[in-house]
């Protein structure tokens, strides 16, 4: 039997994952830009390394969450 509640819940879940994906993408873009700007302005400093590592962790998380799964 067809259930509107199930369709509504599935749509809600898709929207939430879309927002998470968008947020992670924006964090990656801002982090990469900040890392390059820090590298240019301060050179290889602790702050630059921290920015690169944090951005890399967000990228890794995004790849794990949204990579296609093998069946």
Protein backbone atom coordinates (compact mmCIF):
# COMPACT_ATOMS: atom_id res chain seq x y z
CA UNK A 1 0.00 0.00 0.00
CA UNK A 2 1.22 3.52 -0.85
CA UNK A 3 2.07 5.74 2.08
CA UNK A 4 2.50 9.50 1.82
CA UNK A 5 4.24 9.51 5.21
CA UNK A 6 7.00 7.24 3.89
CA UNK A 7 7.46 9.40 0.80
CA UNK A 8 7.54 12.54 2.93
CA UNK A 9 10.15 11.04 5.27
CA UNK A 10 12.31 9.94 2.35
CA UNK A 11 12.12 13.42 0.80
CA UNK A 12 13.06 14.99 4.14
CA UNK A 13 16.08 12.67 4.41
CA UNK A 14 17.20 13.59 0.88
CA UNK A 15 16.99 17.30 1.71
CA UNK A 16 19.00 16.86 4.90
CA UNK A 17 21.75 14.96 3.05
CA UNK A 18 21.78 17.61 0.32
CA UNK A 19 22.33 20.32 2.93
CA UNK A 20 25.11 18.29 4.57
CA UNK A 21 26.77 17.76 1.19
CA UNK A 22 26.52 21.46 0.36
CA UNK A 23 27.94 22.47 3.74
CA UNK A 24 30.88 20.07 3.41
CA UNK A 25 31.58 21.36 -0.10
CA UNK A 26 31.59 24.96 1.07
CA UNK A 27 33.89 24.10 3.98
CA UNK A 28 36.29 22.42 1.55
CA UNK A 29 36.31 25.41 -0.81
CA UNK A 30 36.83 27.94 1.99
CA UNK A 31 39.44 25.74 3.67
CA UNK A 32 41.42 25.23 0.48
CA UNK A 33 41.33 28.95 -0.29
CA UNK A 34 42.38 29.85 3.25
CA UNK A 35 45.18 27.28 3.14
CA UNK A 36 46.60 28.67 -0.09
CA UNK A 37 46.32 32.27 1.15
CA UNK A 38 48.04 31.32 4.41
CA UNK A 39 50.77 29.51 2.53
CA UNK A 40 51.37 32.56 0.34
CA UNK A 41 51.28 35.08 3.20
CA UNK A 42 52.94 33.20 6.08
CA UNK A 43 54.78 30.38 4.38
CA UNK A 44 54.81 26.88 5.83
CA UNK A 45 53.73 27.75 9.37
CA UNK A 46 51.80 25.87 12.04
CA UNK A 47 48.63 27.77 11.13
CA UNK A 48 48.98 26.80 7.48
CA UNK A 49 49.56 23.17 8.38
CA UNK A 50 46.53 23.24 10.71
CA UNK A 51 44.34 24.69 7.95
CA UNK A 52 45.51 22.04 5.48
CA UNK A 53 44.91 19.19 7.95
CA UNK A 54 41.42 20.41 8.94
CA UNK A 55 40.45 20.88 5.29
CA UNK A 56 41.82 17.43 4.50
CA UNK A 57 39.76 15.87 7.28
CA UNK A 58 36.58 17.49 5.96
CA UNK A 59 37.45 16.27 2.46
CA UNK A 60 38.08 12.76 3.75
CA UNK A 61 34.78 12.79 5.62
CA UNK A 62 32.98 13.94 2.50
CA UNK A 63 34.59 11.20 0.41
CA UNK A 64 33.62 8.55 2.96
CA UNK A 65 30.04 9.76 3.28
CA UNK A 66 29.31 10.34 -0.38
CA UNK A 67 31.45 7.90 -2.33
CA UNK A 68 29.53 5.31 -4.33
CA UNK A 69 29.36 2.03 -2.51
CA UNK A 70 30.36 -1.18 -4.21
CA UNK A 71 27.67 -3.82 -4.20
